[in-house]
Amino acid sequence: MNTISTEQQFRNVMAECRTLFAKKLHDYGASWRILRPQSLTDQLFIKAKRIRSLEIKKESLVGEGIRPEFIALINYGIVGLIQLEKGFVDEVDITPDEALKLYDHYAASTLELMLRKNHDYDEAWRGMRVSSYTDLILTKLQRIKEMEDLGGETLVSEGIDSNYQDIINYAVFGAIKLVEE
């Protein structure tokens, strides 16, 4: 049995993601501010499809494994939440420090959502296969694409933001389980 709580494991993965995000902000600035919603969805889709491909083929020809792709999904998911709030721009309009503050805000709100859901679902994620997280992420991305195509005019769906948060949470669970296995 794992002695570290789910909350602490989540925080550990998010700290790892934030460190990488901060390094990329140093190198590239907040260049992702230029991404339109559909492009961001496609970037998330590419990452999730690569995970699924690696799960099925069991080998990588570029030498990078599945876990780094889950980390990328987490960071792009947070970028998605920021973009939903701020919209896209033609030129970078925030500093790295401002981007990190936004990152921290959405990481915290996603942690809170995970804690509420984990309470209600009683740690069910621990009994799931990593490949199921991948499939659920791809399903969420398909839903986001449909919502984008509908211009946000949905009848009963949670919003795109909820789907981004679910993607982040499934990716965190994948990152945790890949370390545990």
N, C-alpha and C. Protein backbone atom coordinates (compact mmCIF):
# COMPACT_ATOMS: atom_id res chain seq x y z
N MET A 1 0.85 -1.19 0.00
CA MET A 1 0.00 0.00 0.00
C MET A 1 0.89 1.25 0.00
N ASN A 2 0.45 2.24 -0.72
CA ASN A 2 1.19 3.48 -0.83
C ASN A 2 1.05 4.30 0.45
N THR A 3 2.17 4.81 0.97
CA THR A 3 2.12 5.58 2.20
C THR A 3 1.99 7.09 1.95
N ILE A 4 2.25 7.52 0.72
CA ILE A 4 2.09 8.93 0.38
C ILE A 4 0.65 9.16 -0.07
N SER A 5 0.03 10.20 0.44
CA SER A 5 -1.36 10.48 0.09
C SER A 5 -1.48 10.88 -1.38
N THR A 6 -2.67 10.67 -1.91
CA THR A 6 -2.95 11.11 -3.27
C THR A 6 -2.68 12.60 -3.41
N GLU A 7 -3.08 13.39 -2.41
CA GLU A 7 -2.85 14.83 -2.49
C GLU A 7 -1.37 15.14 -2.60
N GLN A 8 -0.54 14.47 -1.81
CA GLN A 8 0.90 14.73 -1.86
C GLN A 8 1.49 14.26 -3.18
N GLN A 9 1.05 13.11 -3.67
CA GLN A 9 1.52 12.63 -4.97
C GLN A 9 1.14 13.63 -6.07
N PHE A 10 -0.07 14.13 -6.01
CA PHE A 10 -0.53 15.13 -6.98
C PHE A 10 0.35 16.37 -6.90
N ARG A 11 0.58 16.85 -5.68
CA ARG A 11 1.42 18.04 -5.51
C ARG A 11 2.84 17.81 -6.04
N ASN A 12 3.38 16.62 -5.83
CA ASN A 12 4.72 16.30 -6.32
C ASN A 12 4.79 16.35 -7.85
N VAL A 13 3.80 15.75 -8.50
CA VAL A 13 3.76 15.77 -9.97
C VAL A 13 3.60 17.21 -10.46
N MET A 14 2.72 17.96 -9.81
CA MET A 14 2.50 19.35 -10.23
C MET A 14 3.75 20.20 -10.03
N ALA A 15 4.52 19.93 -8.99
CA ALA A 15 5.78 20.66 -8.78
C ALA A 15 6.76 20.35 -9.90
N GLU A 16 6.82 19.09 -10.30
CA GLU A 16 7.67 18.68 -11.42
C GLU A 16 7.23 19.40 -12.70
N CYS A 17 5.92 19.46 -12.94
CA CYS A 17 5.38 20.12 -14.12
C CYS A 17 5.68 21.62 -14.09
N ARG A 18 5.51 22.22 -12.93
CA ARG A 18 5.73 23.67 -12.80
C ARG A 18 7.20 24.01 -13.06
N THR A 19 8.10 23.17 -12.58
CA THR A 19 9.53 23.40 -12.82
C THR A 19 9.82 23.40 -14.32
N LEU A 20 9.28 22.43 -15.04
CA LEU A 20 9.48 22.38 -16.48
C LEU A 20 8.83 23.59 -17.16
N PHE A 21 7.61 23.95 -16.72
CA PHE A 21 6.91 25.10 -17.27
C PHE A 21 7.73 26.37 -17.09
N ALA A 22 8.30 26.55 -15.90
CA ALA A 22 9.12 27.74 -15.62
C ALA A 22 10.37 27.77 -16.51
N LYS A 23 10.99 26.62 -16.72
CA LYS A 23 12.18 26.56 -17.58
C LYS A 23 11.81 26.92 -19.02
N LYS A 24 10.66 26.43 -19.47
CA LYS A 24 10.23 26.75 -20.84
C LYS A 24 9.85 28.22 -20.94
N LEU A 25 9.27 28.79 -19.89
CA LEU A 25 8.99 30.23 -19.88
C LEU A 25 10.29 31.02 -20.02
N HIS A 26 11.32 30.56 -19.35
CA HIS A 26 12.63 31.23 -19.47
C HIS A 26 13.12 31.20 -20.91
N ASP A 27 13.01 30.02 -21.54
CA ASP A 27 13.54 29.85 -22.89
C ASP A 27 12.68 30.50 -23.97
N TYR A 28 11.35 30.41 -23.83
CA TYR A 28 10.45 30.82 -24.90
C TYR A 28 9.50 31.95 -24.53
N GLY A 29 9.49 32.36 -23.27
CA GLY A 29 8.45 33.29 -22.82
C GLY A 29 7.09 32.59 -22.89
N ALA A 30 6.05 33.37 -22.82
CA ALA A 30 4.69 32.81 -22.87
C ALA A 30 4.21 32.77 -24.33
N SER A 31 5.04 32.19 -25.20
CA SER A 31 4.73 32.14 -26.63
C SER A 31 3.41 31.42 -26.91
N TRP A 32 2.98 30.55 -26.01
CA TRP A 32 1.72 29.84 -26.16
C TRP A 32 0.51 30.76 -26.11
N ARG A 33 0.68 32.00 -25.69
CA ARG A 33 -0.44 32.96 -25.65
C ARG A 33 -1.01 33.17 -27.05
N ILE A 34 -0.24 32.86 -28.08
CA ILE A 34 -0.67 33.04 -29.46
C ILE A 34 -1.62 31.93 -29.91
N LEU A 35 -1.61 30.79 -29.23
CA LEU A 35 -2.43 29.64 -29.64
C LEU A 35 -3.92 29.94 -29.54
N ARG A 36 -4.62 29.71 -30.63
CA ARG A 36 -6.09 29.77 -30.61
C ARG A 36 -6.60 28.48 -29.96
N PRO A 37 -7.83 28.50 -29.46
CA PRO A 37 -8.35 27.31 -28.75
C PRO A 37 -8.25 26.01 -29.55
N GLN A 38 -8.59 26.06 -30.82
CA GLN A 38 -8.56 24.83 -31.63
C GLN A 38 -7.14 24.31 -31.79
N SER A 39 -6.16 25.19 -31.89
CA SER A 39 -4.77 24.77 -32.02
C SER A 39 -4.28 24.12 -30.73
N LEU A 40 -4.71 24.67 -29.62
CA LEU A 40 -4.35 24.10 -28.32
C LEU A 40 -4.97 22.71 -28.16
N THR A 41 -6.22 22.58 -28.57
CA THR A 41 -6.89 21.28 -28.53
C THR A 41 -6.13 20.27 -29.39
N ASP A 42 -5.71 20.71 -30.57
CA ASP A 42 -4.95 19.80 -31.44
C ASP A 42 -3.60 19.44 -30.84
N GLN A 43 -2.95 20.36 -30.14
CA GLN A 43 -1.68 20.05 -29.49
C GLN A 43 -1.89 19.00 -28.39
N LEU A 44 -2.93 19.16 -27.60
CA LEU A 44 -3.27 18.16 -26.59
C LEU A 44 -3.57 16.81 -27.25
N PHE A 45 -4.29 16.86 -28.37
CA PHE A 45 -4.64 15.64 -29.10
C PHE A 45 -3.39 14.91 -29.57
N ILE A 46 -2.42 15.66 -30.12
CA ILE A 46 -1.17 15.05 -30.58
C ILE A 46 -0.46 14.32 -29.43
N LYS A 47 -0.40 14.95 -28.28
CA LYS A 47 0.27 14.34 -27.12
C LYS A 47 -0.46 13.07 -26.69
N ALA A 48 -1.79 13.14 -26.62
CA ALA A 48 -2.56 11.97 -26.18
C ALA A 48 -2.48 10.83 -27.20
N LYS A 49 -2.51 11.17 -28.49
CA LYS A 49 -2.39 10.14 -29.53
C LYS A 49 -1.01 9.47 -29.46
N ARG A 50 0.02 10.25 -29.16
CA ARG A 50 1.36 9.67 -29.05
C ARG A 50 1.41 8.68 -27.88
N ILE A 51 0.78 9.04 -26.76
CA ILE A 51 0.74 8.11 -25.63
C ILE A 51 0.07 6.81 -26.06
N ARG A 52 -1.09 6.94 -26.71
CA ARG A 52 -1.82 5.74 -27.13
C ARG A 52 -0.99 4.91 -28.11
N SER A 53 -0.31 5.57 -29.04
CA SER A 53 0.54 4.87 -29.99
C SER A 53 1.65 4.11 -29.27
N LEU A 54 2.30 4.77 -28.30
CA LEU A 54 3.36 4.10 -27.55
C LEU A 54 2.82 2.94 -26.72
N GLU A 55 1.63 3.10 -26.16
CA GLU A 55 1.02 2.00 -25.39
C GLU A 55 0.76 0.79 -26.28
N ILE A 56 0.34 1.04 -27.51
CA ILE A 56 0.00 -0.06 -28.42
C ILE A 56 1.26 -0.67 -29.03
N LYS A 57 2.17 0.17 -29.51
CA LYS A 57 3.38 -0.31 -30.20
C LYS A 57 4.45 -0.80 -29.24
N LYS A 58 4.42 -0.30 -28.01
CA LYS A 58 5.39 -0.70 -26.98
C LYS A 58 6.83 -0.30 -27.30
N GLU A 59 7.02 0.64 -28.22
CA GLU A 59 8.37 1.14 -28.48
C GLU A 59 8.29 2.56 -29.03
N SER A 60 9.35 3.32 -28.75
CA SER A 60 9.45 4.70 -29.22
C SER A 60 10.68 4.82 -30.11
N LEU A 61 10.50 5.37 -31.28
CA LEU A 61 11.64 5.56 -32.19
C LEU A 61 12.36 6.88 -31.94
N VAL A 62 11.77 7.76 -31.14
CA VAL A 62 12.45 9.02 -30.82
C VAL A 62 13.00 9.03 -29.40
N GLY A 63 12.85 7.93 -28.68
CA GLY A 63 13.50 7.78 -27.39
C GLY A 63 12.81 8.41 -26.20
N GLU A 64 11.67 9.01 -26.40
CA GLU A 64 10.95 9.60 -25.27
C GLU A 64 9.77 8.71 -24.93
N GLY A 65 9.52 8.56 -23.64
CA GLY A 65 8.49 7.65 -23.19
C GLY A 65 7.14 8.32 -22.97
N ILE A 66 6.29 7.59 -22.31
CA ILE A 66 4.90 8.01 -22.08
C ILE A 66 4.82 9.09 -21.00
N ARG A 67 5.57 8.94 -19.94
CA ARG A 67 5.44 9.88 -18.82
C ARG A 67 5.68 11.33 -19.22
N PRO A 68 6.71 11.63 -20.03
CA PRO A 68 6.89 13.02 -20.45
C PRO A 68 5.68 13.58 -21.22
N GLU A 69 4.97 12.71 -21.91
CA GLU A 69 3.77 13.16 -22.64
C GLU A 69 2.64 13.48 -21.66
N PHE A 70 2.52 12.71 -20.57
CA PHE A 70 1.53 13.05 -19.54
C PHE A 70 1.88 14.40 -18.91
N ILE A 71 3.17 14.64 -18.68
CA ILE A 71 3.61 15.93 -18.13
C ILE A 71 3.23 17.06 -19.09
N ALA A 72 3.45 16.83 -20.38
CA ALA A 72 3.08 17.84 -21.39
C ALA A 72 1.57 18.08 -21.39
N LEU A 73 0.78 17.02 -21.26
CA LEU A 73 -0.68 17.18 -21.20
C LEU A 73 -1.09 18.05 -20.01
N ILE A 74 -0.43 17.84 -18.89
CA ILE A 74 -0.74 18.64 -17.70
C ILE A 74 -0.45 20.11 -17.98
N ASN A 75 0.73 20.39 -18.49
CA ASN A 75 1.11 21.78 -18.73
C ASN A 75 0.25 22.42 -19.82
N TYR A 76 -0.01 21.71 -20.90
CA TYR A 76 -0.87 22.26 -21.94
C TYR A 76 -2.31 22.41 -21.44
N GLY A 77 -2.75 21.52 -20.55
CA GLY A 77 -4.08 21.66 -19.97
C GLY A 77 -4.20 22.95 -19.17
N ILE A 78 -3.16 23.26 -18.42
CA ILE A 78 -3.17 24.52 -17.66
C ILE A 78 -3.09 25.71 -18.61
N VAL A 79 -2.29 25.59 -19.66
CA VAL A 79 -2.28 26.65 -20.68
C VAL A 79 -3.68 26.84 -21.25
N GLY A 80 -4.38 25.74 -21.48
CA GLY A 80 -5.75 25.82 -21.99
C GLY A 80 -6.66 26.61 -21.06
N LEU A 81 -6.55 26.35 -19.77
CA LEU A 81 -7.36 27.08 -18.79
C LEU A 81 -7.03 28.57 -18.81
N ILE A 82 -5.75 28.88 -18.92
CA ILE A 82 -5.34 30.28 -19.00
C ILE A 82 -5.90 30.93 -20.26
N GLN A 83 -5.79 30.23 -21.38
CA GLN A 83 -6.28 30.77 -22.64
C GLN A 83 -7.79 30.98 -22.62
N LEU A 84 -8.52 30.08 -21.96
CA LEU A 84 -9.97 30.27 -21.84
C LEU A 84 -10.29 31.56 -21.09
N GLU A 85 -9.51 31.84 -20.06
CA GLU A 85 -9.72 33.06 -19.27
C GLU A 85 -9.32 34.30 -20.04
N LYS A 86 -8.16 34.28 -20.66
CA LYS A 86 -7.57 35.49 -21.22
C LYS A 86 -7.78 35.65 -22.72
N GLY A 87 -8.15 34.57 -23.41
CA GLY A 87 -8.24 34.63 -24.86
C GLY A 87 -6.86 34.56 -25.49
N PHE A 88 -6.81 34.41 -26.80
CA PHE A 88 -5.51 34.36 -27.49
C PHE A 88 -5.15 35.76 -27.97
N VAL A 89 -3.87 35.93 -28.25
CA VAL A 89 -3.37 37.23 -28.68
C VAL A 89 -2.45 37.05 -29.89
N ASP A 90 -2.12 38.16 -30.54
CA ASP A 90 -1.20 38.11 -31.68
C ASP A 90 0.26 38.26 -31.25
N GLU A 91 0.47 38.84 -30.08
CA GLU A 91 1.82 39.00 -29.53
C GLU A 91 1.76 38.70 -28.03
N VAL A 92 2.81 38.12 -27.51
CA VAL A 92 2.87 37.77 -26.09
C VAL A 92 2.59 39.02 -25.25
N ASP A 93 1.69 38.88 -24.30
CA ASP A 93 1.23 40.03 -23.52
C ASP A 93 1.39 39.85 -22.01
N ILE A 94 2.06 38.78 -21.59
CA ILE A 94 2.29 38.57 -20.15
C ILE A 94 3.74 38.19 -19.92
N THR A 95 4.22 38.52 -18.73
CA THR A 95 5.58 38.17 -18.36
C THR A 95 5.62 36.73 -17.85
N PRO A 96 6.80 36.16 -17.78
CA PRO A 96 6.90 34.83 -17.18
C PRO A 96 6.35 34.79 -15.74
N ASP A 97 6.59 35.83 -14.96
CA ASP A 97 6.05 35.85 -13.59
C ASP A 97 4.53 35.84 -13.58
N GLU A 98 3.92 36.62 -14.47
CA GLU A 98 2.45 36.63 -14.56
C GLU A 98 1.94 35.26 -15.01
N ALA A 99 2.64 34.65 -15.95
CA ALA A 99 2.25 33.32 -16.42
C ALA A 99 2.33 32.30 -15.29
N LEU A 100 3.37 32.38 -14.46
CA LEU A 100 3.50 31.44 -13.34
C LEU A 100 2.40 31.65 -12.29
N LYS A 101 2.00 32.90 -12.07
CA LYS A 101 0.89 33.15 -11.14
C LYS A 101 -0.40 32.53 -11.65
N LEU A 102 -0.65 32.68 -12.95
CA LEU A 102 -1.83 32.05 -13.55
C LEU A 102 -1.72 30.52 -13.47
N TYR A 103 -0.53 30.00 -13.74
CA TYR A 103 -0.29 28.56 -13.65
C TYR A 103 -0.64 28.06 -12.25
N ASP A 104 -0.12 28.75 -11.24
CA ASP A 104 -0.36 28.34 -9.85
C ASP A 104 -1.85 28.38 -9.50
N HIS A 105 -2.54 29.40 -9.99
CA HIS A 105 -3.99 29.51 -9.74
C HIS A 105 -4.73 28.29 -10.29
N TYR A 106 -4.45 27.95 -11.54
CA TYR A 106 -5.17 26.82 -12.16
C TYR A 106 -4.70 25.47 -11.64
N ALA A 107 -3.45 25.36 -11.25
CA ALA A 107 -2.98 24.12 -10.62
C ALA A 107 -3.71 23.91 -9.30
N ALA A 108 -3.88 24.98 -8.53
CA ALA A 108 -4.57 24.88 -7.24
C ALA A 108 -6.04 24.54 -7.42
N SER A 109 -6.71 25.17 -8.38
CA SER A 109 -8.13 24.88 -8.58
C SER A 109 -8.34 23.46 -9.11
N THR A 110 -7.39 22.97 -9.90
CA THR A 110 -7.49 21.60 -10.41
C THR A 110 -7.23 20.60 -9.29
N LEU A 111 -6.30 20.91 -8.39
CA LEU A 111 -6.09 20.07 -7.21
C LEU A 111 -7.36 19.99 -6.37
N GLU A 112 -8.00 21.12 -6.15
CA GLU A 112 -9.24 21.13 -5.35
C GLU A 112 -10.32 20.26 -5.99
N LEU A 113 -10.44 20.36 -7.32
CA LEU A 113 -11.42 19.52 -8.02
C LEU A 113 -11.07 18.05 -7.84
N MET A 114 -9.80 17.70 -8.01
CA MET A 114 -9.38 16.31 -7.85
C MET A 114 -9.71 15.81 -6.45
N LEU A 115 -9.45 16.62 -5.44
CA LEU A 115 -9.72 16.19 -4.06
C LEU A 115 -11.21 15.92 -3.85
N ARG A 116 -12.06 16.78 -4.39
CA ARG A 116 -13.51 16.57 -4.27
C ARG A 116 -13.95 15.30 -4.99
N LYS A 117 -13.47 15.14 -6.21
CA LYS A 117 -13.86 13.96 -6.99
C LYS A 117 -13.27 12.69 -6.38
N ASN A 118 -12.02 12.77 -5.92
CA ASN A 118 -11.38 11.60 -5.33
C ASN A 118 -12.12 11.15 -4.07
N HIS A 119 -12.62 12.11 -3.33
CA HIS A 119 -13.44 11.78 -2.15
C HIS A 119 -14.69 11.01 -2.58
N ASP A 120 -15.39 11.56 -3.58
CA ASP A 120 -16.64 10.93 -4.02
C ASP A 120 -16.42 9.59 -4.70
N TYR A 121 -15.34 9.46 -5.45
CA TYR A 121 -15.06 8.22 -6.19
C TYR A 121 -14.19 7.25 -5.40
N ASP A 122 -13.77 7.65 -4.20
CA ASP A 122 -13.05 6.77 -3.28
C ASP A 122 -11.80 6.13 -3.91
N GLU A 123 -10.93 6.99 -4.47
CA GLU A 123 -9.65 6.52 -5.01
C GLU A 123 -9.80 5.50 -6.14
N ALA A 124 -10.91 5.54 -6.88
CA ALA A 124 -11.14 4.57 -7.96
C ALA A 124 -10.03 4.60 -9.01
N TRP A 125 -9.40 5.75 -9.19
CA TRP A 125 -8.34 5.87 -10.20
C TRP A 125 -7.20 4.90 -9.96
N ARG A 126 -6.99 4.52 -8.70
CA ARG A 126 -5.88 3.60 -8.39
C ARG A 126 -6.10 2.21 -8.98
N GLY A 127 -7.36 1.84 -9.19
CA GLY A 127 -7.67 0.53 -9.76
C GLY A 127 -7.74 0.53 -11.28
N MET A 128 -7.53 1.68 -11.88
CA MET A 128 -7.62 1.79 -13.34
C MET A 128 -6.26 1.53 -14.00
N ARG A 129 -6.32 1.14 -15.25
CA ARG A 129 -5.11 0.97 -16.05
C ARG A 129 -4.69 2.34 -16.61
N VAL A 130 -3.40 2.53 -16.80
CA VAL A 130 -2.91 3.78 -17.38
C VAL A 130 -3.52 3.99 -18.76
N SER A 131 -3.68 2.92 -19.52
CA SER A 131 -4.26 3.04 -20.86
C SER A 131 -5.69 3.59 -20.81
N SER A 132 -6.38 3.35 -19.72
CA SER A 132 -7.73 3.91 -19.58
C SER A 132 -7.68 5.43 -19.42
N TYR A 133 -6.68 5.93 -18.71
CA TYR A 133 -6.53 7.39 -18.60
C TYR A 133 -6.34 7.98 -19.99
N THR A 134 -5.51 7.31 -20.80
CA THR A 134 -5.26 7.78 -22.16
C THR A 134 -6.56 7.85 -22.95
N ASP A 135 -7.34 6.78 -22.89
CA ASP A 135 -8.60 6.75 -23.64
C ASP A 135 -9.58 7.80 -23.13
N LEU A 136 -9.62 8.01 -21.83
CA LEU A 136 -10.51 9.03 -21.28
C LEU A 136 -10.06 10.43 -21.68
N ILE A 137 -8.75 10.65 -21.73
CA ILE A 137 -8.23 11.94 -22.19
C ILE A 137 -8.62 12.17 -23.65
N LEU A 138 -8.45 11.15 -24.48
CA LEU A 138 -8.83 11.28 -25.90
C LEU A 138 -10.33 11.54 -26.03
N THR A 139 -11.14 10.91 -25.19
CA THR A 139 -12.59 11.15 -25.21
C THR A 139 -12.89 12.59 -24.83
N LYS A 140 -12.23 13.09 -23.79
CA LYS A 140 -12.42 14.49 -23.38
C LYS A 140 -12.02 15.44 -24.51
N LEU A 141 -10.94 15.13 -25.21
CA LEU A 141 -10.50 15.97 -26.32
C LEU A 141 -11.51 15.96 -27.47
N GLN A 142 -12.10 14.79 -27.73
CA GLN A 142 -13.14 14.72 -28.76
C GLN A 142 -14.33 15.59 -28.35
N ARG A 143 -14.69 15.55 -27.09
CA ARG A 143 -15.78 16.38 -26.60
C ARG A 143 -15.45 17.87 -26.76
N ILE A 144 -14.22 18.24 -26.42
CA ILE A 144 -13.80 19.64 -26.58
C ILE A 144 -13.90 20.06 -28.05
N LYS A 145 -13.45 19.19 -28.96
CA LYS A 145 -13.54 19.51 -30.39
C LYS A 145 -15.00 19.75 -30.79
N GLU A 146 -15.89 18.89 -30.31
CA GLU A 146 -17.32 19.04 -30.63
C GLU A 146 -17.85 20.36 -30.08
N MET A 147 -17.48 20.70 -28.84
CA MET A 147 -17.93 21.96 -28.24
C MET A 147 -17.38 23.16 -29.00
N GLU A 148 -16.11 23.07 -29.42
CA GLU A 148 -15.53 24.16 -30.22
C GLU A 148 -16.28 24.31 -31.53
N ASP A 149 -16.60 23.17 -32.17
CA ASP A 149 -17.33 23.22 -33.44
C ASP A 149 -18.73 23.80 -33.26
N LEU A 150 -19.30 23.61 -32.08
CA LEU A 150 -20.63 24.16 -31.78
C LEU A 150 -20.55 25.62 -31.30
N GLY A 151 -19.36 26.16 -31.24
CA GLY A 151 -19.20 27.52 -30.77
C GLY A 151 -19.58 27.70 -29.31
N GLY A 152 -19.46 26.62 -28.54
CA GLY A 152 -19.78 26.68 -27.12
C GLY A 152 -21.27 26.56 -26.81
N GLU A 153 -22.10 26.40 -27.84
CA GLU A 153 -23.56 26.33 -27.67
C GLU A 153 -23.98 24.89 -27.36
N THR A 154 -23.69 24.43 -26.15
CA THR A 154 -24.05 23.07 -25.75
C THR A 154 -25.34 23.07 -24.96
N LEU A 155 -25.98 21.92 -24.88
CA LEU A 155 -27.26 21.80 -24.18
C LEU A 155 -27.10 21.32 -22.74
N VAL A 156 -26.26 20.31 -22.53
CA VAL A 156 -26.16 19.73 -21.19
C VAL A 156 -24.73 19.53 -20.71
N SER A 157 -23.76 19.87 -21.53
CA SER A 157 -22.37 19.55 -21.23
C SER A 157 -21.75 20.49 -20.22
N GLU A 158 -20.78 19.94 -19.47
CA GLU A 158 -19.89 20.80 -18.71
C GLU A 158 -19.08 21.58 -19.73
N GLY A 159 -18.48 22.65 -19.32
CA GLY A 159 -17.71 23.47 -20.25
C GLY A 159 -16.37 22.87 -20.61
N ILE A 160 -15.71 23.56 -21.52
CA ILE A 160 -14.38 23.15 -21.96
C ILE A 160 -13.42 23.16 -20.77
N ASP A 161 -13.58 24.14 -19.88
CA ASP A 161 -12.68 24.22 -18.72
C ASP A 161 -12.75 22.96 -17.86
N SER A 162 -13.94 22.42 -17.65
CA SER A 162 -14.08 21.19 -16.87
C SER A 162 -13.37 20.02 -17.55
N ASN A 163 -13.46 19.98 -18.87
CA ASN A 163 -12.78 18.92 -19.61
C ASN A 163 -11.27 19.07 -19.52
N TYR A 164 -10.76 20.31 -19.60
CA TYR A 164 -9.32 20.53 -19.41
C TYR A 164 -8.88 20.04 -18.03
N GLN A 165 -9.67 20.37 -17.01
CA GLN A 165 -9.29 19.94 -15.66
C GLN A 165 -9.32 18.42 -15.53
N ASP A 166 -10.28 17.77 -16.15
CA ASP A 166 -10.30 16.31 -16.13
C ASP A 166 -9.08 15.73 -16.85
N ILE A 167 -8.70 16.33 -17.97
CA ILE A 167 -7.51 15.88 -18.69
C ILE A 167 -6.28 16.01 -17.80
N ILE A 168 -6.15 17.14 -17.14
CA ILE A 168 -5.02 17.35 -16.24
C ILE A 168 -5.01 16.27 -15.15
N ASN A 169 -6.16 16.03 -14.55
CA ASN A 169 -6.21 15.06 -13.46
C ASN A 169 -5.89 13.64 -13.95
N TYR A 170 -6.44 13.23 -15.09
CA TYR A 170 -6.10 11.90 -15.61
C TYR A 170 -4.61 11.82 -15.93
N ALA A 171 -4.03 12.90 -16.47
CA ALA A 171 -2.60 12.89 -16.79
C ALA A 171 -1.76 12.81 -15.52
N VAL A 172 -2.18 13.50 -14.47
CA VAL A 172 -1.47 13.39 -13.18
C VAL A 172 -1.54 11.95 -12.68
N PHE A 173 -2.72 11.35 -12.75
CA PHE A 173 -2.85 9.96 -12.30
C PHE A 173 -1.92 9.05 -13.12
N GLY A 174 -1.85 9.28 -14.43
CA GLY A 174 -0.95 8.50 -15.28
C GLY A 174 0.50 8.68 -14.86
N ALA A 175 0.90 9.92 -14.62
CA ALA A 175 2.27 10.20 -14.20
C ALA A 175 2.60 9.53 -12.87
N ILE A 176 1.63 9.53 -11.95
CA ILE A 176 1.82 8.87 -10.65
C ILE A 176 1.98 7.37 -10.84
N LYS A 177 1.06 6.78 -11.58
CA LYS A 177 1.06 5.32 -11.73
C LYS A 177 2.30 4.82 -12.48
N LEU A 178 2.79 5.59 -13.43
CA LEU A 178 3.99 5.17 -14.16
C LEU A 178 5.22 5.16 -13.27
N VAL A 179 5.24 5.99 -12.23
CA VAL A 179 6.34 5.97 -11.27
C VAL A 179 6.15 4.78 -10.31
N GLU A 180 4.93 4.51 -9.94
CA GLU A 180 4.65 3.42 -8.98
C GLU A 180 4.89 2.04 -9.58
N GLU A 181 4.67 1.91 -10.90
CA GLU A 181 4.72 0.56 -11.51
C GLU A 181 6.13 0.11 -11.81
